[in-house]
PDB file of N, CA and C in Angstrom:
ATOM      1  N   MET A   1     -24.172 -12.947  10.314  1.00  0.00           N
ATOM      2  CA  MET A   1     -23.373 -12.135   9.415  1.00  0.00           C
ATOM      3  C   MET A   1     -22.166 -12.931   8.940  1.00  0.00           C
ATOM      4  N   ASN A   2     -21.842 -12.734   7.690  1.00  0.00           N
ATOM      5  CA  ASN A   2     -20.684 -13.388   7.104  1.00  0.00           C
ATOM      6  C   ASN A   2     -19.578 -12.345   6.926  1.00  0.00           C
ATOM      7  N   PHE A   3     -18.502 -12.514   7.662  1.00  0.00           N
ATOM      8  CA  PHE A   3     -17.396 -11.563   7.600  1.00  0.00           C
ATOM      9  C   PHE A   3     -16.256 -12.043   6.709  1.00  0.00           C
ATOM     10  N   LYS A   4     -16.456 -13.141   6.024  1.00  0.00           N
ATOM     11  CA  LYS A   4     -15.428 -13.688   5.146  1.00  0.00           C
ATOM     12  C   LYS A   4     -15.320 -12.818   3.888  1.00  0.00           C
ATOM     13  N   LEU A   5     -14.086 -12.546   3.485  1.00  0.00           N
ATOM     14  CA  LEU A   5     -13.874 -11.749   2.285  1.00  0.00           C
ATOM     15  C   LEU A   5     -14.189 -12.569   1.037  1.00  0.00           C
ATOM     16  N   SER A   6     -14.729 -11.887   0.038  1.00  0.00           N
ATOM     17  CA  SER A   6     -14.954 -12.545  -1.250  1.00  0.00           C
ATOM     18  C   SER A   6     -13.599 -12.730  -1.936  1.00  0.00           C
ATOM     19  N   SER A   7     -13.576 -13.499  -2.985  1.00  0.00           N
ATOM     20  CA  SER A   7     -12.316 -13.708  -3.708  1.00  0.00           C
ATOM     21  C   SER A   7     -11.816 -12.390  -4.306  1.00  0.00           C
ATOM     22  N   GLU A   8     -12.726 -11.545  -4.741  1.00  0.00           N
ATOM     23  CA  GLU A   8     -12.350 -10.234  -5.278  1.00  0.00           C
ATOM     24  C   GLU A   8     -11.737  -9.360  -4.181  1.00  0.00           C
ATOM     25  N   GLN A   9     -12.335  -9.362  -3.006  1.00  0.00           N
ATOM     26  CA  GLN A   9     -11.807  -8.585  -1.888  1.00  0.00           C
ATOM     27  C   GLN A   9     -10.443  -9.111  -1.442  1.00  0.00           C
ATOM     28  N   THR A  10     -10.294 -10.413  -1.429  1.00  0.00           N
ATOM     29  CA  THR A  10      -9.015 -11.022  -1.051  1.00  0.00           C
ATOM     30  C   THR A  10      -7.933 -10.644  -2.056  1.00  0.00           C
ATOM     31  N   ALA A  11      -8.260 -10.663  -3.334  1.00  0.00           N
ATOM     32  CA  ALA A  11      -7.298 -10.289  -4.371  1.00  0.00           C
ATOM     33  C   ALA A  11      -6.894  -8.822  -4.229  1.00  0.00           C
ATOM     34  N   PHE A  12      -7.862  -7.953  -3.939  1.00  0.00           N
ATOM     35  CA  PHE A  12      -7.568  -6.532  -3.749  1.00  0.00           C
ATOM     36  C   PHE A  12      -6.662  -6.333  -2.540  1.00  0.00           C
ATOM     37  N   ARG A  13      -6.962  -7.011  -1.453  1.00  0.00           N
ATOM     38  CA  ARG A  13      -6.138  -6.925  -0.245  1.00  0.00           C
ATOM     39  C   ARG A  13      -4.710  -7.367  -0.539  1.00  0.00           C
ATOM     40  N   ASN A  14      -4.573  -8.472  -1.240  1.00  0.00           N
ATOM     41  CA  ASN A  14      -3.242  -8.981  -1.571  1.00  0.00           C
ATOM     42  C   ASN A  14      -2.470  -8.010  -2.464  1.00  0.00           C
ATOM     43  N   MET A  15      -3.162  -7.408  -3.414  1.00  0.00           N
ATOM     44  CA  MET A  15      -2.530  -6.433  -4.297  1.00  0.00           C
ATOM     45  C   MET A  15      -2.063  -5.213  -3.495  1.00  0.00           C
ATOM     46  N   ALA A  16      -2.889  -4.740  -2.575  1.00  0.00           N
ATOM     47  CA  ALA A  16      -2.521  -3.595  -1.742  1.00  0.00           C
ATOM     48  C   ALA A  16      -1.335  -3.921  -0.845  1.00  0.00           C
ATOM     49  N   ARG A  17      -1.320  -5.105  -0.287  1.00  0.00           N
ATOM     50  CA  ARG A  17      -0.193  -5.515   0.563  1.00  0.00           C
ATOM     51  C   ARG A  17       1.100  -5.588  -0.237  1.00  0.00           C
ATOM     52  N   GLU A  18       1.019  -6.153  -1.429  1.00  0.00           N
ATOM     53  CA  GLU A  18       2.209  -6.272  -2.274  1.00  0.00           C
ATOM     54  C   GLU A  18       2.730  -4.894  -2.671  1.00  0.00           C
ATOM     55  N   PHE A  19       1.817  -3.997  -3.032  1.00  0.00           N
ATOM     56  CA  PHE A  19       2.218  -2.637  -3.387  1.00  0.00           C
ATOM     57  C   PHE A  19       2.906  -1.962  -2.210  1.00  0.00           C
ATOM     58  N   ALA A  20       2.325  -2.060  -1.042  1.00  0.00           N
ATOM     59  CA  ALA A  20       2.915  -1.436   0.147  1.00  0.00           C
ATOM     60  C   ALA A  20       4.288  -2.018   0.456  1.00  0.00           C
ATOM     61  N   ALA A  21       4.420  -3.316   0.335  1.00  0.00           N
ATOM     62  CA  ALA A  21       5.705  -3.967   0.615  1.00  0.00           C
ATOM     63  C   ALA A  21       6.779  -3.536  -0.379  1.00  0.00           C
ATOM     64  N   ASN A  22       6.383  -3.321  -1.633  1.00  0.00           N
ATOM     65  CA  ASN A  22       7.353  -2.967  -2.671  1.00  0.00           C
ATOM     66  C   ASN A  22       7.615  -1.471  -2.794  1.00  0.00           C
ATOM     67  N   GLU A  23       6.607  -0.657  -2.544  1.00  0.00           N
ATOM     68  CA  GLU A  23       6.726   0.778  -2.803  1.00  0.00           C
ATOM     69  C   GLU A  23       6.846   1.643  -1.547  1.00  0.00           C
ATOM     70  N   PHE A  24       6.247   1.230  -0.450  1.00  0.00           N
ATOM     71  CA  PHE A  24       6.290   2.032   0.780  1.00  0.00           C
ATOM     72  C   PHE A  24       7.375   1.563   1.740  1.00  0.00           C
ATOM     73  N   ALA A  25       7.364   0.304   2.062  1.00  0.00           N
ATOM     74  CA  ALA A  25       8.249  -0.221   3.108  1.00  0.00           C
ATOM     75  C   ALA A  25       9.731   0.077   2.873  1.00  0.00           C
ATOM     76  N   PRO A  26      10.254  -0.109   1.652  1.00  0.00           N
ATOM     77  CA  PRO A  26      11.689   0.134   1.464  1.00  0.00           C
ATOM     78  C   PRO A  26      12.107   1.593   1.685  1.00  0.00           C
ATOM     79  N   HIS A  27      11.165   2.517   1.594  1.00  0.00           N
ATOM     80  CA  HIS A  27      11.490   3.943   1.669  1.00  0.00           C
ATOM     81  C   HIS A  27      10.961   4.627   2.927  1.00  0.00           C
ATOM     82  N   ALA A  28      10.161   3.958   3.702  1.00  0.00           N
ATOM     83  CA  ALA A  28       9.465   4.587   4.823  1.00  0.00           C
ATOM     84  C   ALA A  28      10.406   5.262   5.811  1.00  0.00           C
ATOM     85  N   ALA A  29      11.474   4.614   6.194  1.00  0.00           N
ATOM     86  CA  ALA A  29      12.401   5.201   7.169  1.00  0.00           C
ATOM     87  C   ALA A  29      13.037   6.476   6.618  1.00  0.00           C
ATOM     88  N   GLU A  30      13.439   6.441   5.353  1.00  0.00           N
ATOM     89  CA  GLU A  30      14.035   7.629   4.726  1.00  0.00           C
ATOM     90  C   GLU A  30      13.027   8.770   4.655  1.00  0.00           C
ATOM     91  N   TRP A  31      11.798   8.460   4.246  1.00  0.00           N
ATOM     92  CA  TRP A  31      10.763   9.485   4.166  1.00  0.00           C
ATOM     93  C   TRP A  31      10.511  10.108   5.533  1.00  0.00           C
ATOM     94  N   ASP A  32      10.446   9.289   6.564  1.00  0.00           N
ATOM     95  CA  ASP A  32      10.246   9.809   7.915  1.00  0.00           C
ATOM     96  C   ASP A  32      11.427  10.667   8.349  1.00  0.00           C
ATOM     97  N   ARG A  33      12.614  10.151   8.136  1.00  0.00           N
ATOM     98  CA  ARG A  33      13.829  10.846   8.561  1.00  0.00           C
ATOM     99  C   ARG A  33      13.945  12.215   7.889  1.00  0.00           C
ATOM    100  N   ASN A  34      13.607  12.275   6.615  1.00  0.00           N
ATOM    101  CA  ASN A  34      13.749  13.513   5.842  1.00  0.00           C
ATOM    102  C   ASN A  34      12.451  14.307   5.711  1.00  0.00           C
ATOM    103  N   LYS A  35      11.429  13.877   6.429  1.00  0.00           N
ATOM    104  CA  LYS A  35      10.120  14.550   6.422  1.00  0.00           C
ATOM    105  C   LYS A  35       9.584  14.724   4.999  1.00  0.00           C
ATOM    106  N   ILE A  36       9.611  13.624   4.259  1.00  0.00           N
ATOM    107  CA  ILE A  36       9.140  13.604   2.869  1.00  0.00           C
ATOM    108  C   ILE A  36       7.732  13.020   2.822  1.00  0.00           C
ATOM    109  N   PHE A  37       6.866  13.679   2.068  1.00  0.00           N
ATOM    110  CA  PHE A  37       5.524  13.162   1.809  1.00  0.00           C
ATOM    111  C   PHE A  37       5.526  12.653   0.369  1.00  0.00           C
ATOM    112  N   PRO A  38       5.465  11.336   0.168  1.00  0.00           N
ATOM    113  CA  PRO A  38       5.669  10.743  -1.160  1.00  0.00           C
ATOM    114  C   PRO A  38       4.447  10.858  -2.075  1.00  0.00           C
ATOM    115  N   VAL A  39       4.215  12.043  -2.588  1.00  0.00           N
ATOM    116  CA  VAL A  39       3.020  12.310  -3.394  1.00  0.00           C
ATOM    117  C   VAL A  39       2.916  11.369  -4.591  1.00  0.00           C
ATOM    118  N   GLU A  40       3.992  11.205  -5.328  1.00  0.00           N
ATOM    119  CA  GLU A  40       3.934  10.356  -6.525  1.00  0.00           C
ATOM    120  C   GLU A  40       3.636   8.900  -6.177  1.00  0.00           C
ATOM    121  N   THR A  41       4.219   8.415  -5.104  1.00  0.00           N
ATOM    122  CA  THR A  41       3.963   7.034  -4.692  1.00  0.00           C
ATOM    123  C   THR A  41       2.512   6.879  -4.257  1.00  0.00           C
ATOM    124  N   LEU A  42       1.982   7.875  -3.582  1.00  0.00           N
ATOM    125  CA  LEU A  42       0.574   7.823  -3.185  1.00  0.00           C
ATOM    126  C   LEU A  42      -0.345   7.891  -4.403  1.00  0.00           C
ATOM    127  N   ARG A  43       0.039   8.645  -5.405  1.00  0.00           N
ATOM    128  CA  ARG A  43      -0.755   8.677  -6.647  1.00  0.00           C
ATOM    129  C   ARG A  43      -0.774   7.302  -7.304  1.00  0.00           C
ATOM    130  N   MET A  44       0.394   6.655  -7.317  1.00  0.00           N
ATOM    131  CA  MET A  44       0.459   5.302  -7.881  1.00  0.00           C
ATOM    132  C   MET A  44      -0.444   4.357  -7.097  1.00  0.00           C
ATOM    133  N   ALA A  45      -0.499   4.517  -5.789  1.00  0.00           N
ATOM    134  CA  ALA A  45      -1.353   3.661  -4.960  1.00  0.00           C
ATOM    135  C   ALA A  45      -2.822   3.860  -5.314  1.00  0.00           C
ATOM    136  N   GLY A  46      -3.182   5.076  -5.675  1.00  0.00           N
ATOM    137  CA  GLY A  46      -4.562   5.378  -6.027  1.00  0.00           C
ATOM    138  C   GLY A  46      -5.007   4.783  -7.349  1.00  0.00           C
ATOM    139  N   GLU A  47      -4.047   4.417  -8.148  1.00  0.00           N
ATOM    140  CA  GLU A  47      -4.379   3.826  -9.448  1.00  0.00           C
ATOM    141  C   GLU A  47      -4.679   2.383  -9.240  1.00  0.00           C
TER     142      GLU A  47
END
């Protein structure tokens, strides 16, 4: 079995990591503290 990611899969992974670092990480503590569920940010992630 070959478990190596294709270039397309690697690009998708990198894009998801960048999105999380830019959109989730800076706000995560505040969202947790204030019990906020970031619906709009999650919608953006789905796009």
